[in-house]
Amino acid sequence: QVQLVESGGGLVQAGGSLGLSCAASGNIFFFNVMGWYRQAPGKQRELVARITSGGRTNYADSVKGRFTISRDNAENTMYLQMNSLKPEDTAAYYCKGEGFGMEYWGRGTRVTVSS
């Protein structure tokens, strides 16, 4: 059973930066695709960014140019660097891994951006 654990959330002022990490208990080569999702209070969970095992990425329009997703297969870790943060980025951020028809979610880390 692979487990995903997010870290790095916190409180930051608008315009600031935060870096999130998602550490896997197993080998992330298992995951063909990994992604970051977020859920703000009262809203549905939405995709933030995804990255394939080959390194191909895609981003939600709302974060393009500000967020960068990456993965380090040797460290079994995925990252999300968030710059130029806005109050509307406030949410719980979750990592997800998909592979062999299965998907795994972390428990989330909270990001709060103050105006």
PDB file of N, CA and C in Angstrom:
ATOM      1  N   GLN A   1       0.840  -1.187   0.000  1.00  0.00           N
ATOM      2  CA  GLN A   1       0.000   0.000   0.000  1.00  0.00           C
ATOM      3  C   GLN A   1       0.875   1.236   0.000  1.00  0.00           C
ATOM      4  N   VAL A   2       0.710   2.049  -1.017  1.00  0.00           N
ATOM      5  CA  VAL A   2       1.491   3.272  -1.109  1.00  0.00           C
ATOM      6  C   VAL A   2       0.766   4.382  -0.359  1.00  0.00           C
ATOM      7  N   GLN A   3       1.503   5.142   0.398  1.00  0.00           N
ATOM      8  CA  GLN A   3       0.931   6.292   1.089  1.00  0.00           C
ATOM      9  C   GLN A   3       1.577   7.572   0.593  1.00  0.00           C
ATOM     10  N   LEU A   4       0.780   8.624   0.498  1.00  0.00           N
ATOM     11  CA  LEU A   4       1.259   9.926   0.084  1.00  0.00           C
ATOM     12  C   LEU A   4       1.060  10.907   1.231  1.00  0.00           C
ATOM     13  N   VAL A   5       2.090  11.681   1.530  1.00  0.00           N
ATOM     14  CA  VAL A   5       2.018  12.626   2.636  1.00  0.00           C
ATOM     15  C   VAL A   5       2.466  13.993   2.155  1.00  0.00           C
ATOM     16  N   GLU A   6       1.559  14.963   2.245  1.00  0.00           N
ATOM     17  CA  GLU A   6       1.875  16.331   1.845  1.00  0.00           C
ATOM     18  C   GLU A   6       2.488  17.107   3.012  1.00  0.00           C
ATOM     19  N   SER A   7       3.305  18.077   2.659  1.00  0.00           N
ATOM     20  CA  SER A   7       3.860  18.987   3.664  1.00  0.00           C
ATOM     21  C   SER A   7       4.182  20.312   2.997  1.00  0.00           C
ATOM     22  N   GLY A   8       4.378  21.331   3.821  1.00  0.00           N
ATOM     23  CA  GLY A   8       4.804  22.624   3.303  1.00  0.00           C
ATOM     24  C   GLY A   8       3.745  23.699   3.290  1.00  0.00           C
ATOM     25  N   GLY A   9       2.519  23.362   3.663  1.00  0.00           N
ATOM     26  CA  GLY A   9       1.482  24.380   3.689  1.00  0.00           C
ATOM     27  C   GLY A   9       1.710  25.382   4.807  1.00  0.00           C
ATOM     28  N   GLY A  10       0.913  26.430   4.786  1.00  0.00           N
ATOM     29  CA  GLY A  10       1.033  27.444   5.831  1.00  0.00           C
ATOM     30  C   GLY A  10       0.355  28.725   5.448  1.00  0.00           C
ATOM     31  N   LEU A  11       0.676  29.763   6.185  1.00  0.00           N
ATOM     32  CA  LEU A  11       0.098  31.089   5.971  1.00  0.00           C
ATOM     33  C   LEU A  11       1.130  31.983   5.305  1.00  0.00           C
ATOM     34  N   VAL A  12       0.719  32.670   4.243  1.00  0.00           N
ATOM     35  CA  VAL A  12       1.625  33.548   3.512  1.00  0.00           C
ATOM     36  C   VAL A  12       0.844  34.766   3.040  1.00  0.00           C
ATOM     37  N   GLN A  13       1.529  35.869   2.898  1.00  0.00           N
ATOM     38  CA  GLN A  13       0.873  37.072   2.380  1.00  0.00           C
ATOM     39  C   GLN A  13       0.756  36.996   0.865  1.00  0.00           C
ATOM     40  N   ALA A  14      -0.219  37.698   0.350  1.00  0.00           N
ATOM     41  CA  ALA A  14      -0.375  37.774  -1.103  1.00  0.00           C
ATOM     42  C   ALA A  14       0.924  38.258  -1.741  1.00  0.00           C
ATOM     43  N   GLY A  15       1.277  37.611  -2.842  1.00  0.00           N
ATOM     44  CA  GLY A  15       2.518  37.930  -3.528  1.00  0.00           C
ATOM     45  C   GLY A  15       3.694  37.082  -3.078  1.00  0.00           C
ATOM     46  N   GLY A  16       3.494  36.340  -2.003  1.00  0.00           N
ATOM     47  CA  GLY A  16       4.562  35.499  -1.480  1.00  0.00           C
ATOM     48  C   GLY A  16       4.631  34.149  -2.163  1.00  0.00           C
ATOM     49  N   SER A  17       5.504  33.294  -1.620  1.00  0.00           N
ATOM     50  CA  SER A  17       5.751  31.975  -2.205  1.00  0.00           C
ATOM     51  C   SER A  17       5.685  30.893  -1.135  1.00  0.00           C
ATOM     52  N   LEU A  18       5.307  29.710  -1.577  1.00  0.00           N
ATOM     53  CA  LEU A  18       5.341  28.515  -0.735  1.00  0.00           C
ATOM     54  C   LEU A  18       5.719  27.336  -1.611  1.00  0.00           C
ATOM     55  N   GLY A  19       6.375  26.360  -0.996  1.00  0.00           N
ATOM     56  CA  GLY A  19       6.678  25.134  -1.703  1.00  0.00           C
ATOM     57  C   GLY A  19       6.049  23.957  -0.991  1.00  0.00           C
ATOM     58  N   LEU A  20       5.309  23.154  -1.725  1.00  0.00           N
ATOM     59  CA  LEU A  20       4.678  21.960  -1.173  1.00  0.00           C
ATOM     60  C   LEU A  20       5.456  20.728  -1.616  1.00  0.00           C
ATOM     61  N   SER A  21       5.444  19.717  -0.771  1.00  0.00           N
ATOM     62  CA  SER A  21       6.057  18.435  -1.093  1.00  0.00           C
ATOM     63  C   SER A  21       5.041  17.331  -0.880  1.00  0.00           C
ATOM     64  N   CYS A  22       5.170  16.284  -1.673  1.00  0.00           N
ATOM     65  CA  CYS A  22       4.341  15.089  -1.529  1.00  0.00           C
ATOM     66  C   CYS A  22       5.283  13.898  -1.531  1.00  0.00           C
ATOM     67  N   ALA A  23       5.452  13.307  -0.372  1.00  0.00           N
ATOM     68  CA  ALA A  23       6.373  12.183  -0.232  1.00  0.00           C
ATOM     69  C   ALA A  23       5.602  10.875  -0.284  1.00  0.00           C
ATOM     70  N   ALA A  24       6.109   9.952  -1.098  1.00  0.00           N
ATOM     71  CA  ALA A  24       5.469   8.640  -1.229  1.00  0.00           C
ATOM     72  C   ALA A  24       6.226   7.618  -0.398  1.00  0.00           C
ATOM     73  N   SER A  25       5.464   6.713   0.224  1.00  0.00           N
ATOM     74  CA  SER A  25       6.099   5.682   1.035  1.00  0.00           C
ATOM     75  C   SER A  25       6.738   4.614   0.170  1.00  0.00           C
ATOM     76  N   GLY A  26       6.266   4.546  -1.095  1.00  0.00           N
ATOM     77  CA  GLY A  26       6.829   3.574  -2.005  1.00  0.00           C
ATOM     78  C   GLY A  26       7.466   4.255  -3.186  1.00  0.00           C
ATOM     79  N   ASN A  27       7.760   3.498  -4.208  1.00  0.00           N
ATOM     80  CA  ASN A  27       8.430   4.021  -5.390  1.00  0.00           C
ATOM     81  C   ASN A  27       7.425   4.733  -6.288  1.00  0.00           C
ATOM     82  N   ILE A  28       7.689   5.999  -6.579  1.00  0.00           N
ATOM     83  CA  ILE A  28       6.709   6.740  -7.383  1.00  0.00           C
ATOM     84  C   ILE A  28       6.773   6.387  -8.867  1.00  0.00           C
ATOM     85  N   PHE A  29       7.695   5.514  -9.243  1.00  0.00           N
ATOM     86  CA  PHE A  29       7.646   4.983 -10.605  1.00  0.00           C
ATOM     87  C   PHE A  29       6.337   4.248 -10.833  1.00  0.00           C
ATOM     88  N   PHE A  30       5.723   3.802  -9.710  1.00  0.00           N
ATOM     89  CA  PHE A  30       4.420   3.134  -9.782  1.00  0.00           C
ATOM     90  C   PHE A  30       3.364   4.059 -10.389  1.00  0.00           C
ATOM     91  N   PHE A  31       3.538   5.356 -10.198  1.00  0.00           N
ATOM     92  CA  PHE A  31       2.538   6.326 -10.637  1.00  0.00           C
ATOM     93  C   PHE A  31       2.863   6.848 -12.040  1.00  0.00           C
ATOM     94  N   ASN A  32       1.985   6.531 -12.975  1.00  0.00           N
ATOM     95  CA  ASN A  32       2.163   7.086 -14.318  1.00  0.00           C
ATOM     96  C   ASN A  32       1.951   8.596 -14.308  1.00  0.00           C
ATOM     97  N   VAL A  33       1.011   9.019 -13.492  1.00  0.00           N
ATOM     98  CA  VAL A  33       0.679  10.439 -13.393  1.00  0.00           C
ATOM     99  C   VAL A  33       0.570  10.799 -11.918  1.00  0.00           C
ATOM    100  N   MET A  34       1.102  11.939 -11.588  1.00  0.00           N
ATOM    101  CA  MET A  34       0.912  12.496 -10.256  1.00  0.00           C
ATOM    102  C   MET A  34       0.382  13.912 -10.408  1.00  0.00           C
ATOM    103  N   GLY A  35      -0.375  14.333  -9.424  1.00  0.00           N
ATOM    104  CA  GLY A  35      -0.958  15.661  -9.553  1.00  0.00           C
ATOM    105  C   GLY A  35      -1.218  16.319  -8.221  1.00  0.00           C
ATOM    106  N   TRP A  36      -1.383  17.626  -8.294  1.00  0.00           N
ATOM    107  CA  TRP A  36      -1.809  18.425  -7.151  1.00  0.00           C
ATOM    108  C   TRP A  36      -3.231  18.917  -7.427  1.00  0.00           C
ATOM    109  N   TYR A  37      -4.056  18.787  -6.430  1.00  0.00           N
ATOM    110  CA  TYR A  37      -5.429  19.270  -6.483  1.00  0.00           C
ATOM    111  C   TYR A  37      -5.648  20.180  -5.277  1.00  0.00           C
ATOM    112  N   ARG A  38      -6.682  20.994  -5.353  1.00  0.00           N
ATOM    113  CA  ARG A  38      -6.999  21.842  -4.204  1.00  0.00           C
ATOM    114  C   ARG A  38      -8.502  21.956  -4.048  1.00  0.00           C
ATOM    115  N   GLN A  39      -8.886  22.218  -2.813  1.00  0.00           N
ATOM    116  CA  GLN A  39     -10.306  22.383  -2.507  1.00  0.00           C
ATOM    117  C   GLN A  39     -10.464  23.529  -1.525  1.00  0.00           C
ATOM    118  N   ALA A  40     -11.138  24.562  -1.984  1.00  0.00           N
ATOM    119  CA  ALA A  40     -11.443  25.702  -1.124  1.00  0.00           C
ATOM    120  C   ALA A  40     -12.762  25.431  -0.407  1.00  0.00           C
ATOM    121  N   PRO A  41     -12.975  26.076   0.734  1.00  0.00           N
ATOM    122  CA  PRO A  41     -14.224  25.862   1.473  1.00  0.00           C
ATOM    123  C   PRO A  41     -15.446  26.134   0.609  1.00  0.00           C
ATOM    124  N   GLY A  42     -16.363  25.187   0.594  1.00  0.00           N
ATOM    125  CA  GLY A  42     -17.588  25.361  -0.158  1.00  0.00           C
ATOM    126  C   GLY A  42     -17.460  25.130  -1.649  1.00  0.00           C
ATOM    127  N   LYS A  43     -16.285  24.699  -2.093  1.00  0.00           N
ATOM    128  CA  LYS A  43     -16.071  24.496  -3.525  1.00  0.00           C
ATOM    129  C   LYS A  43     -15.641  23.061  -3.789  1.00  0.00           C
ATOM    130  N   GLN A  44     -15.760  22.669  -5.057  1.00  0.00           N
ATOM    131  CA  GLN A  44     -15.328  21.327  -5.438  1.00  0.00           C
ATOM    132  C   GLN A  44     -13.810  21.262  -5.564  1.00  0.00           C
ATOM    133  N   ARG A  45     -13.300  20.067  -5.393  1.00  0.00           N
ATOM    134  CA  ARG A  45     -11.868  19.860  -5.578  1.00  0.00           C
ATOM    135  C   ARG A  45     -11.533  20.062  -7.048  1.00  0.00           C
ATOM    136  N   GLU A  46     -10.430  20.750  -7.299  1.00  0.00           N
ATOM    137  CA  GLU A  46     -10.048  21.043  -8.683  1.00  0.00           C
ATOM    138  C   GLU A  46      -8.581  20.705  -8.921  1.00  0.00           C
ATOM    139  N   LEU A  47      -8.294  20.397 -10.167  1.00  0.00           N
ATOM    140  CA  LEU A  47      -6.914  20.117 -10.554  1.00  0.00           C
ATOM    141  C   LEU A  47      -6.109  21.404 -10.558  1.00  0.00           C
ATOM    142  N   VAL A  48      -4.907  21.332 -10.006  1.00  0.00           N
ATOM    143  CA  VAL A  48      -3.973  22.448 -10.045  1.00  0.00           C
ATOM    144  C   VAL A  48      -2.901  22.197 -11.102  1.00  0.00           C
ATOM    145  N   ALA A  49      -2.286  21.022 -11.032  1.00  0.00           N
ATOM    146  CA  ALA A  49      -1.220  20.685 -11.976  1.00  0.00           C
ATOM    147  C   ALA A  49      -1.005  19.178 -11.966  1.00  0.00           C
ATOM    148  N   ARG A  50      -0.552  18.646 -13.110  1.00  0.00           N
ATOM    149  CA  ARG A  50      -0.277  17.234 -13.230  1.00  0.00           C
ATOM    150  C   ARG A  50       1.074  17.050 -13.890  1.00  0.00           C
ATOM    151  N   ILE A  51       1.718  15.911 -13.599  1.00  0.00           N
ATOM    152  CA  ILE A  51       2.988  15.592 -14.222  1.00  0.00           C
ATOM    153  C   ILE A  51       3.044  14.092 -14.482  1.00  0.00           C
ATOM    154  N   THR A  52       3.474  13.720 -15.679  1.00  0.00           N
ATOM    155  CA  THR A  52       3.578  12.307 -16.018  1.00  0.00           C
ATOM    156  C   THR A  52       4.932  11.752 -15.589  1.00  0.00           C
ATOM    157  N   SER A  53       5.058  10.455 -15.687  1.00  0.00           N
ATOM    158  CA  SER A  53       6.331   9.834 -15.346  1.00  0.00           C
ATOM    159  C   SER A  53       7.443  10.302 -16.280  1.00  0.00           C
ATOM    160  N   GLY A  54       7.066  10.754 -17.473  1.00  0.00           N
ATOM    161  CA  GLY A  54       8.050  11.258 -18.423  1.00  0.00           C
ATOM    162  C   GLY A  54       8.348  12.738 -18.260  1.00  0.00           C
ATOM    163  N   GLY A  55       7.648  13.372 -17.310  1.00  0.00           N
ATOM    164  CA  GLY A  55       7.926  14.768 -17.031  1.00  0.00           C
ATOM    165  C   GLY A  55       7.037  15.766 -17.755  1.00  0.00           C
ATOM    166  N   ARG A  56       6.043  15.269 -18.487  1.00  0.00           N
ATOM    167  CA  ARG A  56       5.138  16.194 -19.171  1.00  0.00           C
ATOM    168  C   ARG A  56       4.184  16.799 -18.143  1.00  0.00           C
ATOM    169  N   THR A  57       3.958  18.091 -18.255  1.00  0.00           N
ATOM    170  CA  THR A  57       3.140  18.787 -17.258  1.00  0.00           C
ATOM    171  C   THR A  57       1.962  19.496 -17.898  1.00  0.00           C
ATOM    172  N   ASN A  58       0.935  19.710 -17.104  1.00  0.00           N
ATOM    173  CA  ASN A  58      -0.125  20.625 -17.491  1.00  0.00           C
ATOM    174  C   ASN A  58      -0.681  21.293 -16.237  1.00  0.00           C
ATOM    175  N   TYR A  59      -1.181  22.496 -16.446  1.00  0.00           N
ATOM    176  CA  TYR A  59      -1.593  23.349 -15.331  1.00  0.00           C
ATOM    177  C   TYR A  59      -2.999  23.905 -15.554  1.00  0.00           C
ATOM    178  N   ALA A  60      -3.666  24.167 -14.460  1.00  0.00           N
ATOM    179  CA  ALA A  60      -4.907  24.935 -14.530  1.00  0.00           C
ATOM    180  C   ALA A  60      -4.569  26.341 -15.000  1.00  0.00           C
ATOM    181  N   ASP A  61      -5.474  26.917 -15.769  1.00  0.00           N
ATOM    182  CA  ASP A  61      -5.224  28.264 -16.285  1.00  0.00           C
ATOM    183  C   ASP A  61      -4.964  29.270 -15.160  1.00  0.00           C
ATOM    184  N   SER A  62      -5.608  29.052 -14.037  1.00  0.00           N
ATOM    185  CA  SER A  62      -5.511  30.010 -12.937  1.00  0.00           C
ATOM    186  C   SER A  62      -4.133  30.047 -12.284  1.00  0.00           C
ATOM    187  N   VAL A  63      -3.310  29.029 -12.540  1.00  0.00           N
ATOM    188  CA  VAL A  63      -1.983  28.992 -11.897  1.00  0.00           C
ATOM    189  C   VAL A  63      -0.836  29.024 -12.892  1.00  0.00           C
ATOM    190  N   LYS A  64      -1.150  29.013 -14.177  1.00  0.00           N
ATOM    191  CA  LYS A  64      -0.089  29.022 -15.190  1.00  0.00           C
ATOM    192  C   LYS A  64       0.809  30.233 -15.016  1.00  0.00           C
ATOM    193  N   GLY A  65       2.097  29.984 -15.090  1.00  0.00           N
ATOM    194  CA  GLY A  65       3.060  31.067 -14.945  1.00  0.00           C
ATOM    195  C   GLY A  65       3.416  31.393 -13.510  1.00  0.00           C
ATOM    196  N   ARG A  66       2.668  30.849 -12.567  1.00  0.00           N
ATOM    197  CA  ARG A  66       2.934  31.116 -11.145  1.00  0.00           C
ATOM    198  C   ARG A  66       3.368  29.867 -10.398  1.00  0.00           C
ATOM    199  N   PHE A  67       2.806  28.710 -10.763  1.00  0.00           N
ATOM    200  CA  PHE A  67       3.099  27.459 -10.070  1.00  0.00           C
ATOM    201  C   PHE A  67       3.948  26.562 -10.970  1.00  0.00           C
ATOM    202  N   THR A  68       4.800  25.762 -10.336  1.00  0.00           N
ATOM    203  CA  THR A  68       5.620  24.800 -11.064  1.00  0.00           C
ATOM    204  C   THR A  68       5.569  23.455 -10.366  1.00  0.00           C
ATOM    205  N   ILE A  69       5.177  22.432 -11.108  1.00  0.00           N
ATOM    206  CA  ILE A  69       5.134  21.072 -10.572  1.00  0.00           C
ATOM    207  C   ILE A  69       6.384  20.320 -11.022  1.00  0.00           C
ATOM    208  N   SER A  70       6.890  19.476 -10.146  1.00  0.00           N
ATOM    209  CA  SER A  70       8.054  18.662 -10.504  1.00  0.00           C
ATOM    210  C   SER A  70       8.012  17.383  -9.692  1.00  0.00           C
ATOM    211  N   ARG A  71       8.796  16.422 -10.103  1.00  0.00           N
ATOM    212  CA  ARG A  71       8.880  15.169  -9.345  1.00  0.00           C
ATOM    213  C   ARG A  71      10.316  14.691  -9.372  1.00  0.00           C
ATOM    214  N   ASP A  72      10.735  14.120  -8.272  1.00  0.00           N
ATOM    215  CA  ASP A  72      12.071  13.547  -8.142  1.00  0.00           C
ATOM    216  C   ASP A  72      11.886  12.065  -7.886  1.00  0.00           C
ATOM    217  N   ASN A  73      12.035  11.276  -8.928  1.00  0.00           N
ATOM    218  CA  ASN A  73      11.778   9.848  -8.794  1.00  0.00           C
ATOM    219  C   ASN A  73      12.762   9.184  -7.826  1.00  0.00           C
ATOM    220  N   ALA A  74      13.967   9.675  -7.781  1.00  0.00           N
ATOM    221  CA  ALA A  74      14.965   9.089  -6.887  1.00  0.00           C
ATOM    222  C   ALA A  74      14.595   9.320  -5.422  1.00  0.00           C
ATOM    223  N   GLU A  75      13.937  10.453  -5.162  1.00  0.00           N
ATOM    224  CA  GLU A  75      13.529  10.791  -3.792  1.00  0.00           C
ATOM    225  C   GLU A  75      12.081  10.402  -3.510  1.00  0.00           C
ATOM    226  N   ASN A  76      11.396   9.827  -4.515  1.00  0.00           N
ATOM    227  CA  ASN A  76       9.984   9.451  -4.354  1.00  0.00           C
ATOM    228  C   ASN A  76       9.146  10.619  -3.856  1.00  0.00           C
ATOM    229  N   THR A  77       9.387  11.769  -4.442  1.00  0.00           N
ATOM    230  CA  THR A  77       8.720  12.983  -3.982  1.00  0.00           C
ATOM    231  C   THR A  77       8.281  13.837  -5.163  1.00  0.00           C
ATOM    232  N   MET A  78       7.112  14.436  -5.008  1.00  0.00           N
ATOM    233  CA  MET A  78       6.610  15.406  -5.976  1.00  0.00           C
ATOM    234  C   MET A  78       6.543  16.760  -5.287  1.00  0.00           C
ATOM    235  N   TYR A  79       6.721  17.807  -6.070  1.00  0.00           N
ATOM    236  CA  TYR A  79       6.759  19.144  -5.508  1.00  0.00           C
ATOM    237  C   TYR A  79       5.803  20.084  -6.236  1.00  0.00           C
ATOM    238  N   LEU A  80       5.428  21.136  -5.548  1.00  0.00           N
ATOM    239  CA  LEU A  80       4.682  22.225  -6.171  1.00  0.00           C
ATOM    240  C   LEU A  80       5.256  23.525  -5.634  1.00  0.00           C
ATOM    241  N   GLN A  81       5.923  24.263  -6.496  1.00  0.00           N
ATOM    242  CA  GLN A  81       6.417  25.578  -6.124  1.00  0.00           C
ATOM    243  C   GLN A  81       5.376  26.610  -6.520  1.00  0.00           C
ATOM    244  N   MET A  82       4.940  27.378  -5.541  1.00  0.00           N
ATOM    245  CA  MET A  82       3.865  28.355  -5.762  1.00  0.00           C
ATOM    246  C   MET A  82       4.414  29.756  -5.520  1.00  0.00           C
ATOM    247  N   ASN A  83       4.403  30.564  -6.571  1.00  0.00           N
ATOM    248  CA  ASN A  83       4.871  31.947  -6.494  1.00  0.00           C
ATOM    249  C   ASN A  83       3.729  32.905  -6.776  1.00  0.00           C
ATOM    250  N   SER A  84       3.934  34.150  -6.426  1.00  0.00           N
ATOM    251  CA  SER A  84       2.925  35.192  -6.663  1.00  0.00           C
ATOM    252  C   SER A  84       1.549  34.752  -6.182  1.00  0.00           C
ATOM    253  N   LEU A  85       1.518  34.250  -4.970  1.00  0.00           N
ATOM    254  CA  LEU A  85       0.269  33.700  -4.435  1.00  0.00           C
ATOM    255  C   LEU A  85      -0.803  34.778  -4.268  1.00  0.00           C
ATOM    256  N   LYS A  86      -2.038  34.369  -4.474  1.00  0.00           N
ATOM    257  CA  LYS A  86      -3.196  35.250  -4.375  1.00  0.00           C
ATOM    258  C   LYS A  86      -4.144  34.705  -3.310  1.00  0.00           C
ATOM    259  N   PRO A  87      -4.973  35.562  -2.739  1.00  0.00           N
ATOM    260  CA  PRO A  87      -5.941  35.071  -1.749  1.00  0.00           C
ATOM    261  C   PRO A  87      -6.816  33.941  -2.294  1.00  0.00           C
ATOM    262  N   GLU A  88      -7.109  33.972  -3.572  1.00  0.00           N
ATOM    263  CA  GLU A  88      -7.943  32.914  -4.163  1.00  0.00           C
ATOM    264  C   GLU A  88      -7.221  31.579  -4.275  1.00  0.00           C
ATOM    265  N   ASP A  89      -5.940  31.538  -3.969  1.00  0.00           N
ATOM    266  CA  ASP A  89      -5.207  30.265  -3.915  1.00  0.00           C
ATOM    267  C   ASP A  89      -5.412  29.563  -2.575  1.00  0.00           C
ATOM    268  N   THR A  90      -6.070  30.225  -1.642  1.00  0.00           N
ATOM    269  CA  THR A  90      -6.331  29.620  -0.334  1.00  0.00           C
ATOM    270  C   THR A  90      -7.179  28.368  -0.489  1.00  0.00           C
ATOM    271  N   ALA A  91      -6.680  27.261   0.038  1.00  0.00           N
ATOM    272  CA  ALA A  91      -7.367  25.970  -0.107  1.00  0.00           C
ATOM    273  C   ALA A  91      -6.575  24.906   0.633  1.00  0.00           C
ATOM    274  N   ALA A  92      -7.183  23.750   0.740  1.00  0.00           N
ATOM    275  CA  ALA A  92      -6.442  22.547   1.130  1.00  0.00           C
ATOM    276  C   ALA A  92      -5.887  21.936  -0.147  1.00  0.00           C
ATOM    277  N   TYR A  93      -4.597  21.628  -0.138  1.00  0.00           N
ATOM    278  CA  TYR A  93      -3.935  21.080  -1.315  1.00  0.00           C
ATOM    279  C   TYR A  93      -3.653  19.593  -1.098  1.00  0.00           C
ATOM    280  N   TYR A  94      -4.017  18.800  -2.092  1.00  0.00           N
ATOM    281  CA  TYR A  94      -3.880  17.352  -2.007  1.00  0.00           C
ATOM    282  C   TYR A  94      -3.008  16.841  -3.151  1.00  0.00           C
ATOM    283  N   CYS A  95      -2.214  15.824  -2.871  1.00  0.00           N
ATOM    284  CA  CYS A  95      -1.508  15.173  -3.965  1.00  0.00           C
ATOM    285  C   CYS A  95      -2.189  13.853  -4.284  1.00  0.00           C
ATOM    286  N   LYS A  96      -2.061  13.471  -5.512  1.00  0.00           N
ATOM    287  CA  LYS A  96      -2.702  12.260  -6.033  1.00  0.00           C
ATOM    288  C   LYS A  96      -1.724  11.533  -6.928  1.00  0.00           C
ATOM    289  N   GLY A  97      -1.738  10.227  -6.811  1.00  0.00           N
ATOM    290  CA  GLY A  97      -0.931   9.404  -7.695  1.00  0.00           C
ATOM    291  C   GLY A  97      -1.821   8.398  -8.396  1.00  0.00           C
ATOM    292  N   GLU A  98      -1.584   8.199  -9.697  1.00  0.00           N
ATOM    293  CA  GLU A  98      -2.376   7.267 -10.501  1.00  0.00           C
ATOM    294  C   GLU A  98      -1.450   6.277 -11.184  1.00  0.00           C
ATOM    295  N   GLY A  99      -1.820   4.986 -11.074  1.00  0.00           N
ATOM    296  CA  GLY A  99      -1.036   3.979 -11.764  1.00  0.00           C
ATOM    297  C   GLY A  99      -1.731   2.632 -11.749  1.00  0.00           C
ATOM    298  N   PHE A 100      -1.653   1.911 -12.861  1.00  0.00           N
ATOM    299  CA  PHE A 100      -2.218   0.559 -12.953  1.00  0.00           C
ATOM    300  C   PHE A 100      -3.690   0.531 -12.546  1.00  0.00           C
ATOM    301  N   GLY A 101      -4.414   1.550 -12.961  1.00  0.00           N
ATOM    302  CA  GLY A 101      -5.835   1.601 -12.695  1.00  0.00           C
ATOM    303  C   GLY A 101      -6.209   1.976 -11.280  1.00  0.00           C
ATOM    304  N   MET A 102      -5.237   2.341 -10.483  1.00  0.00           N
ATOM    305  CA  MET A 102      -5.512   2.706  -9.098  1.00  0.00           C
ATOM    306  C   MET A 102      -5.111   4.161  -8.866  1.00  0.00           C
ATOM    307  N   GLU A 103      -5.693   4.736  -7.854  1.00  0.00           N
ATOM    308  CA  GLU A 103      -5.312   6.092  -7.482  1.00  0.00           C
ATOM    309  C   GLU A 103      -5.202   6.206  -5.965  1.00  0.00           C
ATOM    310  N   TYR A 104      -4.262   7.024  -5.559  1.00  0.00           N
ATOM    311  CA  TYR A 104      -4.002   7.236  -4.143  1.00  0.00           C
ATOM    312  C   TYR A 104      -3.999   8.741  -3.874  1.00  0.00           C
ATOM    313  N   TRP A 105      -4.550   9.102  -2.719  1.00  0.00           N
ATOM    314  CA  TRP A 105      -4.610  10.497  -2.312  1.00  0.00           C
ATOM    315  C   TRP A 105      -3.879  10.686  -0.993  1.00  0.00           C
ATOM    316  N   GLY A 106      -3.262  11.839  -0.863  1.00  0.00           N
ATOM    317  CA  GLY A 106      -2.758  12.245   0.437  1.00  0.00           C
ATOM    318  C   GLY A 106      -3.881  12.859   1.251  1.00  0.00           C
ATOM    319  N   ARG A 107      -3.565  13.234   2.481  1.00  0.00           N
ATOM    320  CA  ARG A 107      -4.589  13.776   3.368  1.00  0.00           C
ATOM    321  C   ARG A 107      -4.681  15.293   3.292  1.00  0.00           C
ATOM    322  N   GLY A 108      -3.767  15.904   2.593  1.00  0.00           N
ATOM    323  CA  GLY A 108      -3.869  17.342   2.340  1.00  0.00           C
ATOM    324  C   GLY A 108      -3.024  18.199   3.258  1.00  0.00           C
ATOM    325  N   THR A 109      -2.710  19.375   2.759  1.00  0.00           N
ATOM    326  CA  THR A 109      -2.025  20.392   3.551  1.00  0.00           C
ATOM    327  C   THR A 109      -2.668  21.729   3.221  1.00  0.00           C
ATOM    328  N   ARG A 110      -2.840  22.542   4.246  1.00  0.00           N
ATOM    329  CA  ARG A 110      -3.618  23.759   4.071  1.00  0.00           C
ATOM    330  C   ARG A 110      -2.712  24.926   3.695  1.00  0.00           C
ATOM    331  N   VAL A 111      -3.178  25.694   2.709  1.00  0.00           N
ATOM    332  CA  VAL A 111      -2.492  26.919   2.295  1.00  0.00           C
ATOM    333  C   VAL A 111      -3.455  28.084   2.475  1.00  0.00           C
ATOM    334  N   THR A 112      -3.016  29.087   3.199  1.00  0.00           N
ATOM    335  CA  THR A 112      -3.826  30.280   3.411  1.00  0.00           C
ATOM    336  C   THR A 112      -3.038  31.501   2.946  1.00  0.00           C
ATOM    337  N   VAL A 113      -3.639  32.257   2.041  1.00  0.00           N
ATOM    338  CA  VAL A 113      -2.993  33.452   1.509  1.00  0.00           C
ATOM    339  C   VAL A 113      -3.777  34.669   1.987  1.00  0.00           C
ATOM    340  N   SER A 114      -3.113  35.503   2.756  1.00  0.00           N
ATOM    341  CA  SER A 114      -3.784  36.699   3.289  1.00  0.00           C
ATOM    342  C   SER A 114      -3.601  37.886   2.346  1.00  0.00           C
ATOM    343  N   SER A 115      -4.604  38.739   2.303  1.00  0.00           N
ATOM    344  CA  SER A 115      -4.541  39.906   1.399  1.00  0.00           C
ATOM    345  C   SER A 115      -3.884  41.092   2.071  1.00  0.00           C
TER     346      SER A 115
END
